[in-house]
PDB file of N, CA and C in Angstrom:
ATOM      1  N   UNK A   1      46.959 -56.302  73.133  1.00  0.00           N
ATOM      2  CA  UNK A   1      47.173 -55.026  72.496  1.00  0.00           C
ATOM      3  C   UNK A   1      48.650 -54.679  72.604  1.00  0.00           C
ATOM      4  N   UNK A   2      49.199 -54.114  71.542  1.00  0.00           N
ATOM      5  CA  UNK A   2      50.597 -53.719  71.513  1.00  0.00           C
ATOM      6  C   UNK A   2      50.731 -52.306  72.065  1.00  0.00           C
ATOM      7  N   UNK A   3      51.611 -52.097  73.068  1.00  0.00           N
ATOM      8  CA  UNK A   3      51.761 -50.741  73.600  1.00  0.00           C
ATOM      9  C   UNK A   3      52.479 -49.834  72.618  1.00  0.00           C
ATOM     10  N   UNK A   4      52.212 -48.552  72.719  1.00  0.00           N
ATOM     11  CA  UNK A   4      52.869 -47.559  71.874  1.00  0.00           C
ATOM     12  C   UNK A   4      54.094 -47.058  72.615  1.00  0.00           C
ATOM     13  N   UNK A   5      55.259 -47.361  72.108  1.00  0.00           N
ATOM     14  CA  UNK A   5      56.512 -46.993  72.756  1.00  0.00           C
ATOM     15  C   UNK A   5      57.226 -45.991  71.863  1.00  0.00           C
ATOM     16  N   UNK A   6      57.645 -44.826  72.430  1.00  0.00           N
ATOM     17  CA  UNK A   6      58.351 -43.837  71.610  1.00  0.00           C
ATOM     18  C   UNK A   6      59.670 -44.391  71.088  1.00  0.00           C
ATOM     19  N   UNK A   7      60.048 -43.957  69.910  1.00  0.00           N
ATOM     20  CA  UNK A   7      61.339 -44.348  69.358  1.00  0.00           C
ATOM     21  C   UNK A   7      62.445 -43.687  70.163  1.00  0.00           C
ATOM     22  N   UNK A   8      63.623 -44.253  70.157  1.00  0.00           N
ATOM     23  CA  UNK A   8      64.740 -43.690  70.907  1.00  0.00           C
ATOM     24  C   UNK A   8      65.131 -42.307  70.409  1.00  0.00           C
ATOM     25  N   UNK A   9      64.914 -42.036  69.134  1.00  0.00           N
ATOM     26  CA  UNK A   9      65.291 -40.731  68.581  1.00  0.00           C
ATOM     27  C   UNK A   9      64.364 -39.625  69.065  1.00  0.00           C
ATOM     28  N   UNK A  10      63.197 -39.984  69.599  1.00  0.00           N
ATOM     29  CA  UNK A  10      62.249 -38.991  70.077  1.00  0.00           C
ATOM     30  C   UNK A  10      61.366 -38.413  68.986  1.00  0.00           C
ATOM     31  N   UNK A  11      61.428 -38.963  67.792  1.00  0.00           N
ATOM     32  CA  UNK A  11      60.616 -38.452  66.689  1.00  0.00           C
ATOM     33  C   UNK A  11      59.173 -38.924  66.827  1.00  0.00           C
ATOM     34  N   UNK A  12      58.283 -38.227  66.111  1.00  0.00           N
ATOM     35  CA  UNK A  12      56.878 -38.627  66.149  1.00  0.00           C
ATOM     36  C   UNK A  12      56.702 -40.022  65.606  1.00  0.00           C
ATOM     37  N   UNK A  13      55.835 -40.745  66.263  1.00  0.00           N
ATOM     38  CA  UNK A  13      55.495 -42.066  65.774  1.00  0.00           C
ATOM     39  C   UNK A  13      54.042 -42.318  66.147  1.00  0.00           C
ATOM     40  N   UNK A  14      53.238 -42.648  65.173  1.00  0.00           N
ATOM     41  CA  UNK A  14      51.832 -42.949  65.422  1.00  0.00           C
ATOM     42  C   UNK A  14      51.710 -44.443  65.637  1.00  0.00           C
ATOM     43  N   UNK A  15      51.102 -44.831  66.748  1.00  0.00           N
ATOM     44  CA  UNK A  15      50.948 -46.241  67.074  1.00  0.00           C
ATOM     45  C   UNK A  15      49.529 -46.675  66.749  1.00  0.00           C
ATOM     46  N   UNK A  16      49.419 -47.725  65.979  1.00  0.00           N
ATOM     47  CA  UNK A  16      48.116 -48.231  65.556  1.00  0.00           C
ATOM     48  C   UNK A  16      47.994 -49.675  66.015  1.00  0.00           C
ATOM     49  N   UNK A  17      46.834 -49.995  66.547  1.00  0.00           N
ATOM     50  CA  UNK A  17      46.614 -51.374  66.966  1.00  0.00           C
ATOM     51  C   UNK A  17      45.536 -52.006  66.113  1.00  0.00           C
ATOM     52  N   UNK A  18      45.733 -53.249  65.801  1.00  0.00           N
ATOM     53  CA  UNK A  18      44.741 -53.989  65.012  1.00  0.00           C
ATOM     54  C   UNK A  18      43.637 -54.537  65.910  1.00  0.00           C
ATOM     55  N   UNK A  19      43.943 -54.684  67.210  1.00  0.00           N
ATOM     56  CA  UNK A  19      42.969 -55.276  68.125  1.00  0.00           C
ATOM     57  C   UNK A  19      41.694 -54.446  68.234  1.00  0.00           C
ATOM     58  N   UNK A  20      41.830 -53.133  68.193  1.00  0.00           N
ATOM     59  CA  UNK A  20      40.660 -52.255  68.299  1.00  0.00           C
ATOM     60  C   UNK A  20      40.041 -51.951  66.944  1.00  0.00           C
ATOM     61  N   UNK A  21      40.669 -52.363  65.902  1.00  0.00           N
ATOM     62  CA  UNK A  21      40.180 -52.081  64.562  1.00  0.00           C
ATOM     63  C   UNK A  21      41.272 -51.371  63.774  1.00  0.00           C
ATOM     64  N   UNK A  22      41.324 -51.625  62.511  1.00  0.00           N
ATOM     65  CA  UNK A  22      42.378 -51.062  61.673  1.00  0.00           C
ATOM     66  C   UNK A  22      42.281 -49.545  61.654  1.00  0.00           C
ATOM     67  N   UNK A  23      43.410 -48.894  61.805  1.00  0.00           N
ATOM     68  CA  UNK A  23      43.458 -47.445  61.680  1.00  0.00           C
ATOM     69  C   UNK A  23      43.168 -46.676  62.956  1.00  0.00           C
ATOM     70  N   UNK A  24      43.015 -47.325  64.091  1.00  0.00           N
ATOM     71  CA  UNK A  24      42.760 -46.619  65.343  1.00  0.00           C
ATOM     72  C   UNK A  24      44.091 -46.137  65.908  1.00  0.00           C
ATOM     73  N   UNK A  25      44.175 -44.865  66.208  1.00  0.00           N
ATOM     74  CA  UNK A  25      45.403 -44.294  66.753  1.00  0.00           C
ATOM     75  C   UNK A  25      45.311 -44.318  68.272  1.00  0.00           C
ATOM     76  N   UNK A  26      46.274 -44.962  68.911  1.00  0.00           N
ATOM     77  CA  UNK A  26      46.288 -45.016  70.371  1.00  0.00           C
ATOM     78  C   UNK A  26      46.849 -43.741  70.963  1.00  0.00           C
ATOM     79  N   UNK A  27      48.008 -43.306  70.530  1.00  0.00           N
ATOM     80  CA  UNK A  27      48.588 -42.053  70.993  1.00  0.00           C
ATOM     81  C   UNK A  27      49.799 -41.724  70.134  1.00  0.00           C
ATOM     82  N   UNK A  28      50.267 -40.519  70.266  1.00  0.00           N
ATOM     83  CA  UNK A  28      51.444 -40.098  69.511  1.00  0.00           C
ATOM     84  C   UNK A  28      52.568 -39.824  70.489  1.00  0.00           C
ATOM     85  N   UNK A  29      53.752 -40.287  70.167  1.00  0.00           N
ATOM     86  CA  UNK A  29      54.927 -40.010  70.980  1.00  0.00           C
ATOM     87  C   UNK A  29      55.464 -38.640  70.591  1.00  0.00           C
ATOM     88  N   UNK A  30      55.951 -37.852  71.541  1.00  0.00           N
ATOM     89  CA  UNK A  30      56.451 -36.508  71.217  1.00  0.00           C
ATOM     90  C   UNK A  30      57.686 -36.548  70.335  1.00  0.00           C
ATOM     91  N   UNK A  31      57.879 -35.480  69.607  1.00  0.00           N
ATOM     92  CA  UNK A  31      59.029 -35.371  68.717  1.00  0.00           C
ATOM     93  C   UNK A  31      59.945 -34.268  69.219  1.00  0.00           C
ATOM     94  N   UNK A  32      61.220 -34.468  69.060  1.00  0.00           N
ATOM     95  CA  UNK A  32      62.163 -33.463  69.544  1.00  0.00           C
ATOM     96  C   UNK A  32      62.810 -32.698  68.400  1.00  0.00           C
ATOM     97  N   UNK A  33      62.078 -32.451  67.324  1.00  0.00           N
ATOM     98  CA  UNK A  33      62.651 -31.692  66.220  1.00  0.00           C
ATOM     99  C   UNK A  33      62.681 -30.212  66.607  1.00  0.00           C
ATOM    100  N   UNK A  34      63.723 -29.507  66.215  1.00  0.00           N
ATOM    101  CA  UNK A  34      63.855 -28.100  66.598  1.00  0.00           C
ATOM    102  C   UNK A  34      62.974 -27.198  65.740  1.00  0.00           C
ATOM    103  N   UNK A  35      61.701 -27.130  66.051  1.00  0.00           N
ATOM    104  CA  UNK A  35      60.764 -26.285  65.319  1.00  0.00           C
ATOM    105  C   UNK A  35      60.526 -25.030  66.149  1.00  0.00           C
ATOM    106  N   UNK A  36      60.792 -23.870  65.580  1.00  0.00           N
ATOM    107  CA  UNK A  36      60.551 -22.627  66.316  1.00  0.00           C
ATOM    108  C   UNK A  36      59.117 -22.175  66.062  1.00  0.00           C
ATOM    109  N   UNK A  37      58.396 -21.923  67.133  1.00  0.00           N
ATOM    110  CA  UNK A  37      57.009 -21.482  67.041  1.00  0.00           C
ATOM    111  C   UNK A  37      56.949 -19.969  67.153  1.00  0.00           C
ATOM    112  N   UNK A  38      56.069 -19.329  66.366  1.00  0.00           N
ATOM    113  CA  UNK A  38      55.940 -17.873  66.476  1.00  0.00           C
ATOM    114  C   UNK A  38      55.261 -17.503  67.796  1.00  0.00           C
ATOM    115  N   UNK A  39      55.459 -16.285  68.275  1.00  0.00           N
ATOM    116  CA  UNK A  39      54.805 -15.851  69.509  1.00  0.00           C
ATOM    117  C   UNK A  39      53.282 -15.890  69.366  1.00  0.00           C
ATOM    118  N   UNK A  40      52.596 -16.142  70.461  1.00  0.00           N
ATOM    119  CA  UNK A  40      51.134 -16.258  70.446  1.00  0.00           C
ATOM    120  C   UNK A  40      50.468 -15.003  69.903  1.00  0.00           C
ATOM    121  N   UNK A  41      50.973 -13.831  70.250  1.00  0.00           N
ATOM    122  CA  UNK A  41      50.384 -12.576  69.775  1.00  0.00           C
ATOM    123  C   UNK A  41      50.437 -12.489  68.255  1.00  0.00           C
ATOM    124  N   UNK A  42      51.526 -12.953  67.666  1.00  0.00           N
ATOM    125  CA  UNK A  42      51.665 -12.927  66.208  1.00  0.00           C
ATOM    126  C   UNK A  42      50.673 -13.882  65.542  1.00  0.00           C
ATOM    127  N   UNK A  43      50.504 -15.053  66.128  1.00  0.00           N
ATOM    128  CA  UNK A  43      49.553 -16.034  65.592  1.00  0.00           C
ATOM    129  C   UNK A  43      48.135 -15.467  65.630  1.00  0.00           C
ATOM    130  N   UNK A  44      47.758 -14.878  66.761  1.00  0.00           N
ATOM    131  CA  UNK A  44      46.411 -14.301  66.890  1.00  0.00           C
ATOM    132  C   UNK A  44      46.220 -13.121  65.941  1.00  0.00           C
ATOM    133  N   UNK A  45      47.228 -12.287  65.795  1.00  0.00           N
ATOM    134  CA  UNK A  45      47.132 -11.131  64.893  1.00  0.00           C
ATOM    135  C   UNK A  45      46.857 -11.598  63.465  1.00  0.00           C
ATOM    136  N   UNK A  46      47.584 -12.611  63.029  1.00  0.00           N
ATOM    137  CA  UNK A  46      47.381 -13.136  61.671  1.00  0.00           C
ATOM    138  C   UNK A  46      46.010 -13.791  61.542  1.00  0.00           C
ATOM    139  N   UNK A  47      45.584 -14.467  62.596  1.00  0.00           N
ATOM    140  CA  UNK A  47      44.298 -15.168  62.559  1.00  0.00           C
ATOM    141  C   UNK A  47      43.129 -14.205  62.397  1.00  0.00           C
ATOM    142  N   UNK A  48      43.201 -13.062  63.085  1.00  0.00           N
ATOM    143  CA  UNK A  48      42.085 -12.129  63.086  1.00  0.00           C
ATOM    144  C   UNK A  48      42.219 -10.984  62.084  1.00  0.00           C
ATOM    145  N   UNK A  49      43.383 -10.782  61.507  1.00  0.00           N
ATOM    146  CA  UNK A  49      43.631  -9.634  60.640  1.00  0.00           C
ATOM    147  C   UNK A  49      42.628  -9.526  59.488  1.00  0.00           C
ATOM    148  N   UNK A  50      42.310 -10.607  58.840  1.00  0.00           N
ATOM    149  CA  UNK A  50      41.392 -10.573  57.711  1.00  0.00           C
ATOM    150  C   UNK A  50      39.945 -10.333  58.091  1.00  0.00           C
ATOM    151  N   UNK A  51      39.615 -10.560  59.351  1.00  0.00           N
ATOM    152  CA  UNK A  51      38.227 -10.384  59.793  1.00  0.00           C
ATOM    153  C   UNK A  51      37.938  -8.984  60.300  1.00  0.00           C
ATOM    154  N   UNK A  52      38.955  -8.260  60.696  1.00  0.00           N
ATOM    155  CA  UNK A  52      38.732  -6.958  61.309  1.00  0.00           C
ATOM    156  C   UNK A  52      38.463  -5.889  60.267  1.00  0.00           C
ATOM    157  N   UNK A  53      37.565  -4.946  60.562  1.00  0.00           N
ATOM    158  CA  UNK A  53      37.333  -3.836  59.635  1.00  0.00           C
ATOM    159  C   UNK A  53      38.556  -2.927  59.595  1.00  0.00           C
ATOM    160  N   UNK A  54      38.714  -2.221  58.495  1.00  0.00           N
ATOM    161  CA  UNK A  54      39.864  -1.331  58.333  1.00  0.00           C
ATOM    162  C   UNK A  54      39.761  -0.114  59.249  1.00  0.00           C
ATOM    163  N   UNK A  55      38.543   0.275  59.582  1.00  0.00           N
ATOM    164  CA  UNK A  55      38.332   1.477  60.385  1.00  0.00           C
ATOM    165  C   UNK A  55      37.145   1.282  61.319  1.00  0.00           C
ATOM    166  N   UNK A  56      37.154   1.974  62.448  1.00  0.00           N
ATOM    167  CA  UNK A  56      36.011   1.918  63.367  1.00  0.00           C
ATOM    168  C   UNK A  56      34.774   2.545  62.747  1.00  0.00           C
ATOM    169  N   UNK A  57      34.964   3.402  61.735  1.00  0.00           N
ATOM    170  CA  UNK A  57      33.829   4.020  61.048  1.00  0.00           C
ATOM    171  C   UNK A  57      32.976   2.993  60.305  1.00  0.00           C
ATOM    172  N   UNK A  58      33.531   1.825  60.002  1.00  0.00           N
ATOM    173  CA  UNK A  58      32.786   0.770  59.316  1.00  0.00           C
ATOM    174  C   UNK A  58      31.767   0.087  60.224  1.00  0.00           C
ATOM    175  N   UNK A  59      31.944   0.202  61.531  1.00  0.00           N
ATOM    176  CA  UNK A  59      31.045  -0.462  62.476  1.00  0.00           C
ATOM    177  C   UNK A  59      29.678   0.205  62.432  1.00  0.00           C
ATOM    178  N   UNK A  60      28.626  -0.617  62.317  1.00  0.00           N
ATOM    179  CA  UNK A  60      27.295  -0.054  62.145  1.00  0.00           C
ATOM    180  C   UNK A  60      26.239  -0.710  63.019  1.00  0.00           C
ATOM    181  N   UNK A  61      26.631  -1.514  63.973  1.00  0.00           N
ATOM    182  CA  UNK A  61      25.671  -2.246  64.791  1.00  0.00           C
ATOM    183  C   UNK A  61      25.042  -1.403  65.878  1.00  0.00           C
ATOM    184  N   UNK A  62      24.153  -2.008  66.636  1.00  0.00           N
ATOM    185  CA  UNK A  62      23.452  -1.283  67.700  1.00  0.00           C
ATOM    186  C   UNK A  62      24.383  -0.935  68.858  1.00  0.00           C
ATOM    187  N   UNK A  63      24.014   0.123  69.589  1.00  0.00           N
ATOM    188  CA  UNK A  63      24.789   0.544  70.755  1.00  0.00           C
ATOM    189  C   UNK A  63      23.984   0.419  72.042  1.00  0.00           C
ATOM    190  N   UNK A  64      22.687   0.145  71.926  1.00  0.00           N
ATOM    191  CA  UNK A  64      21.847  -0.044  73.104  1.00  0.00           C
ATOM    192  C   UNK A  64      20.694  -0.969  72.754  1.00  0.00           C
ATOM    193  N   UNK A  65      19.977  -1.424  73.771  1.00  0.00           N
ATOM    194  CA  UNK A  65      18.862  -2.349  73.554  1.00  0.00           C
ATOM    195  C   UNK A  65      19.322  -3.792  73.602  1.00  0.00           C
ATOM    196  N   UNK A  66      18.490  -4.673  73.058  1.00  0.00           N
ATOM    197  CA  UNK A  66      18.771  -6.108  73.088  1.00  0.00           C
ATOM    198  C   UNK A  66      19.237  -6.571  71.709  1.00  0.00           C
ATOM    199  N   UNK A  67      20.202  -7.496  71.717  1.00  0.00           N
ATOM    200  CA  UNK A  67      20.748  -8.060  70.479  1.00  0.00           C
ATOM    201  C   UNK A  67      20.673  -9.571  70.577  1.00  0.00           C
ATOM    202  N   UNK A  68      20.145 -10.206  69.532  1.00  0.00           N
ATOM    203  CA  UNK A  68      20.146 -11.667  69.468  1.00  0.00           C
ATOM    204  C   UNK A  68      21.161 -12.089  68.422  1.00  0.00           C
ATOM    205  N   UNK A  69      22.147 -12.872  68.863  1.00  0.00           N
ATOM    206  CA  UNK A  69      23.200 -13.324  67.959  1.00  0.00           C
ATOM    207  C   UNK A  69      22.719 -14.494  67.110  1.00  0.00           C
ATOM    208  N   UNK A  70      23.174 -14.581  65.861  1.00  0.00           N
ATOM    209  CA  UNK A  70      22.835 -15.726  65.018  1.00  0.00           C
ATOM    210  C   UNK A  70      23.498 -17.000  65.549  1.00  0.00           C
ATOM    211  N   UNK A  71      22.954 -18.143  65.177  1.00  0.00           N
ATOM    212  CA  UNK A  71      23.465 -19.429  65.669  1.00  0.00           C
ATOM    213  C   UNK A  71      24.920 -19.693  65.301  1.00  0.00           C
ATOM    214  N   UNK A  72      25.368 -19.208  64.159  1.00  0.00           N
ATOM    215  CA  UNK A  72      26.759 -19.476  63.783  1.00  0.00           C
ATOM    216  C   UNK A  72      27.749 -18.689  64.649  1.00  0.00           C
ATOM    217  N   UNK A  73      27.261 -17.692  65.374  1.00  0.00           N
ATOM    218  CA  UNK A  73      28.124 -16.934  66.289  1.00  0.00           C
ATOM    219  C   UNK A  73      27.963 -17.458  67.709  1.00  0.00           C
ATOM    220  N   UNK A  74      26.729 -17.550  68.164  1.00  0.00           N
ATOM    221  CA  UNK A  74      26.439 -18.033  69.525  1.00  0.00           C
ATOM    222  C   UNK A  74      25.782 -19.395  69.403  1.00  0.00           C
ATOM    223  N   UNK A  75      26.579 -20.409  69.179  1.00  0.00           N
ATOM    224  CA  UNK A  75      26.072 -21.758  68.936  1.00  0.00           C
ATOM    225  C   UNK A  75      25.843 -22.518  70.231  1.00  0.00           C
ATOM    226  N   UNK A  76      26.246 -21.939  71.357  1.00  0.00           N
ATOM    227  CA  UNK A  76      26.060 -22.595  72.645  1.00  0.00           C
ATOM    228  C   UNK A  76      25.853 -21.524  73.711  1.00  0.00           C
ATOM    229  N   UNK A  77      24.879 -21.723  74.564  1.00  0.00           N
ATOM    230  CA  UNK A  77      24.676 -20.787  75.663  1.00  0.00           C
ATOM    231  C   UNK A  77      23.807 -19.604  75.285  1.00  0.00           C
ATOM    232  N   UNK A  78      24.065 -18.485  75.939  1.00  0.00           N
ATOM    233  CA  UNK A  78      23.272 -17.270  75.787  1.00  0.00           C
ATOM    234  C   UNK A  78      23.353 -16.732  74.368  1.00  0.00           C
ATOM    235  N   UNK A  79      22.204 -16.351  73.813  1.00  0.00           N
ATOM    236  CA  UNK A  79      22.166 -15.776  72.461  1.00  0.00           C
ATOM    237  C   UNK A  79      21.637 -14.357  72.446  1.00  0.00           C
ATOM    238  N   UNK A  80      20.866 -13.967  73.479  1.00  0.00           N
ATOM    239  CA  UNK A  80      20.292 -12.630  73.536  1.00  0.00           C
ATOM    240  C   UNK A  80      20.994 -11.829  74.630  1.00  0.00           C
ATOM    241  N   UNK A  81      21.454 -10.643  74.273  1.00  0.00           N
ATOM    242  CA  UNK A  81      22.222  -9.802  75.181  1.00  0.00           C
ATOM    243  C   UNK A  81      21.583  -8.426  75.288  1.00  0.00           C
ATOM    244  N   UNK A  82      21.582  -7.873  76.499  1.00  0.00           N
ATOM    245  CA  UNK A  82      21.093  -6.520  76.751  1.00  0.00           C
ATOM    246  C   UNK A  82      22.310  -5.603  76.781  1.00  0.00           C
ATOM    247  N   UNK A  83      22.453  -4.745  75.776  1.00  0.00           N
ATOM    248  CA  UNK A  83      23.623  -3.876  75.682  1.00  0.00           C
ATOM    249  C   UNK A  83      23.661  -2.799  76.759  1.00  0.00           C
ATOM    250  N   UNK A  84      22.544  -2.574  77.437  1.00  0.00           N
ATOM    251  CA  UNK A  84      22.505  -1.597  78.516  1.00  0.00           C
ATOM    252  C   UNK A  84      23.091  -2.156  79.817  1.00  0.00           C
ATOM    253  N   UNK A  85      23.363  -3.464  79.851  1.00  0.00           N
ATOM    254  CA  UNK A  85      23.977  -4.100  81.025  1.00  0.00           C
ATOM    255  C   UNK A  85      25.436  -4.395  80.704  1.00  0.00           C
ATOM    256  N   UNK A  86      26.344  -3.811  81.480  1.00  0.00           N
ATOM    257  CA  UNK A  86      27.779  -3.865  81.199  1.00  0.00           C
ATOM    258  C   UNK A  86      28.306  -5.288  81.011  1.00  0.00           C
ATOM    259  N   UNK A  87      27.994  -6.190  81.925  1.00  0.00           N
ATOM    260  CA  UNK A  87      28.519  -7.569  81.817  1.00  0.00           C
ATOM    261  C   UNK A  87      28.000  -8.282  80.576  1.00  0.00           C
ATOM    262  N   UNK A  88      26.735  -8.085  80.250  1.00  0.00           N
ATOM    263  CA  UNK A  88      26.195  -8.721  79.044  1.00  0.00           C
ATOM    264  C   UNK A  88      26.822  -8.114  77.798  1.00  0.00           C
ATOM    265  N   UNK A  89      27.060  -6.797  77.805  1.00  0.00           N
ATOM    266  CA  UNK A  89      27.694  -6.150  76.658  1.00  0.00           C
ATOM    267  C   UNK A  89      29.106  -6.690  76.462  1.00  0.00           C
ATOM    268  N   UNK A  90      29.872  -6.827  77.553  1.00  0.00           N
ATOM    269  CA  UNK A  90      31.226  -7.378  77.443  1.00  0.00           C
ATOM    270  C   UNK A  90      31.193  -8.824  76.968  1.00  0.00           C
ATOM    271  N   UNK A  91      30.225  -9.600  77.428  1.00  0.00           N
ATOM    272  CA  UNK A  91      30.092 -10.994  77.008  1.00  0.00           C
ATOM    273  C   UNK A  91      29.744 -11.081  75.521  1.00  0.00           C
ATOM    274  N   UNK A  92      28.857 -10.208  75.073  1.00  0.00           N
ATOM    275  CA  UNK A  92      28.499 -10.151  73.648  1.00  0.00           C
ATOM    276  C   UNK A  92      29.740  -9.842  72.816  1.00  0.00           C
ATOM    277  N   UNK A  93      30.496  -8.822  73.198  1.00  0.00           N
ATOM    278  CA  UNK A  93      31.682  -8.450  72.440  1.00  0.00           C
ATOM    279  C   UNK A  93      32.686  -9.587  72.390  1.00  0.00           C
ATOM    280  N   UNK A  94      32.883 -10.241  73.519  1.00  0.00           N
ATOM    281  CA  UNK A  94      33.831 -11.361  73.579  1.00  0.00           C
ATOM    282  C   UNK A  94      33.386 -12.485  72.638  1.00  0.00           C
ATOM    283  N   UNK A  95      32.091 -12.802  72.635  1.00  0.00           N
ATOM    284  CA  UNK A  95      31.565 -13.871  71.781  1.00  0.00           C
ATOM    285  C   UNK A  95      31.699 -13.512  70.310  1.00  0.00           C
ATOM    286  N   UNK A  96      31.343 -12.282  69.961  1.00  0.00           N
ATOM    287  CA  UNK A  96      31.414 -11.854  68.557  1.00  0.00           C
ATOM    288  C   UNK A  96      32.865 -11.843  68.074  1.00  0.00           C
ATOM    289  N   UNK A  97      33.773 -11.348  68.894  1.00  0.00           N
ATOM    290  CA  UNK A  97      35.179 -11.318  68.487  1.00  0.00           C
ATOM    291  C   UNK A  97      35.761 -12.720  68.340  1.00  0.00           C
ATOM    292  N   UNK A  98      35.336 -13.639  69.190  1.00  0.00           N
ATOM    293  CA  UNK A  98      35.880 -15.003  69.147  1.00  0.00           C
ATOM    294  C   UNK A  98      35.261 -15.852  68.052  1.00  0.00           C
ATOM    295  N   UNK A  99      33.958 -15.700  67.822  1.00  0.00           N
ATOM    296  CA  UNK A  99      33.239 -16.621  66.928  1.00  0.00           C
ATOM    297  C   UNK A  99      32.730 -15.988  65.640  1.00  0.00           C
ATOM    298  N   UNK A 100      32.626 -14.672  65.592  1.00  0.00           N
ATOM    299  CA  UNK A 100      32.019 -14.012  64.443  1.00  0.00           C
ATOM    300  C   UNK A 100      32.939 -13.903  63.243  1.00  0.00           C
ATOM    301  N   UNK A 101      32.340 -13.780  62.088  1.00  0.00           N
ATOM    302  CA  UNK A 101      33.056 -13.534  60.844  1.00  0.00           C
ATOM    303  C   UNK A 101      33.129 -12.021  60.627  1.00  0.00           C
ATOM    304  N   UNK A 102      33.762 -11.595  59.562  1.00  0.00           N
ATOM    305  CA  UNK A 102      33.952 -10.156  59.318  1.00  0.00           C
ATOM    306  C   UNK A 102      32.629  -9.395  59.309  1.00  0.00           C
ATOM    307  N   UNK A 103      31.625  -9.886  58.609  1.00  0.00           N
ATOM    308  CA  UNK A 103      30.326  -9.209  58.556  1.00  0.00           C
ATOM    309  C   UNK A 103      29.689  -9.113  59.935  1.00  0.00           C
ATOM    310  N   UNK A 104      29.872 -10.146  60.770  1.00  0.00           N
ATOM    311  CA  UNK A 104      29.333 -10.119  62.121  1.00  0.00           C
ATOM    312  C   UNK A 104      30.010  -9.032  62.940  1.00  0.00           C
ATOM    313  N   UNK A 105      31.321  -8.883  62.793  1.00  0.00           N
ATOM    314  CA  UNK A 105      32.041  -7.864  63.545  1.00  0.00           C
ATOM    315  C   UNK A 105      31.554  -6.472  63.192  1.00  0.00           C
ATOM    316  N   UNK A 106      31.192  -6.258  61.938  1.00  0.00           N
ATOM    317  CA  UNK A 106      30.733  -4.947  61.503  1.00  0.00           C
ATOM    318  C   UNK A 106      29.290  -4.690  61.930  1.00  0.00           C
ATOM    319  N   UNK A 107      28.398  -5.648  61.704  1.00  0.00           N
ATOM    320  CA  UNK A 107      26.981  -5.417  61.976  1.00  0.00           C
ATOM    321  C   UNK A 107      26.597  -5.587  63.439  1.00  0.00           C
ATOM    322  N   UNK A 108      27.384  -6.338  64.199  1.00  0.00           N
ATOM    323  CA  UNK A 108      27.080  -6.526  65.623  1.00  0.00           C
ATOM    324  C   UNK A 108      27.893  -5.581  66.500  1.00  0.00           C
ATOM    325  N   UNK A 109      28.765  -4.812  65.902  1.00  0.00           N
ATOM    326  CA  UNK A 109      29.533  -3.731  66.517  1.00  0.00           C
ATOM    327  C   UNK A 109      30.200  -4.067  67.853  1.00  0.00           C
ATOM    328  N   UNK A 110      31.154  -4.976  67.839  1.00  0.00           N
ATOM    329  CA  UNK A 110      31.867  -5.233  69.083  1.00  0.00           C
ATOM    330  C   UNK A 110      32.813  -4.103  69.419  1.00  0.00           C
TER     331      UNK A 110
END
């Protein structure tokens, strides 16, 4: 197998070996191009901006009792939450905000 050695310039280079099969990527060497990344808060704001309701008045979900999240929101782990229990309510809100779409945010009322 041929080792993947970074180029002297430090630019990205994808190393492919034929021994494991055509098109298998072993690893990528880091690149030293001067790319400025936006702050994390800005990236998250842009990511979630389109999903958030314009006003809190749009929220229409339950405020107490038990809520069962749909599979596309809670695809792993707990799906049913008791809103009367603080930790479960916070966990529900965290899951809906992280995984839910705009309609989920409105109807599940995080």
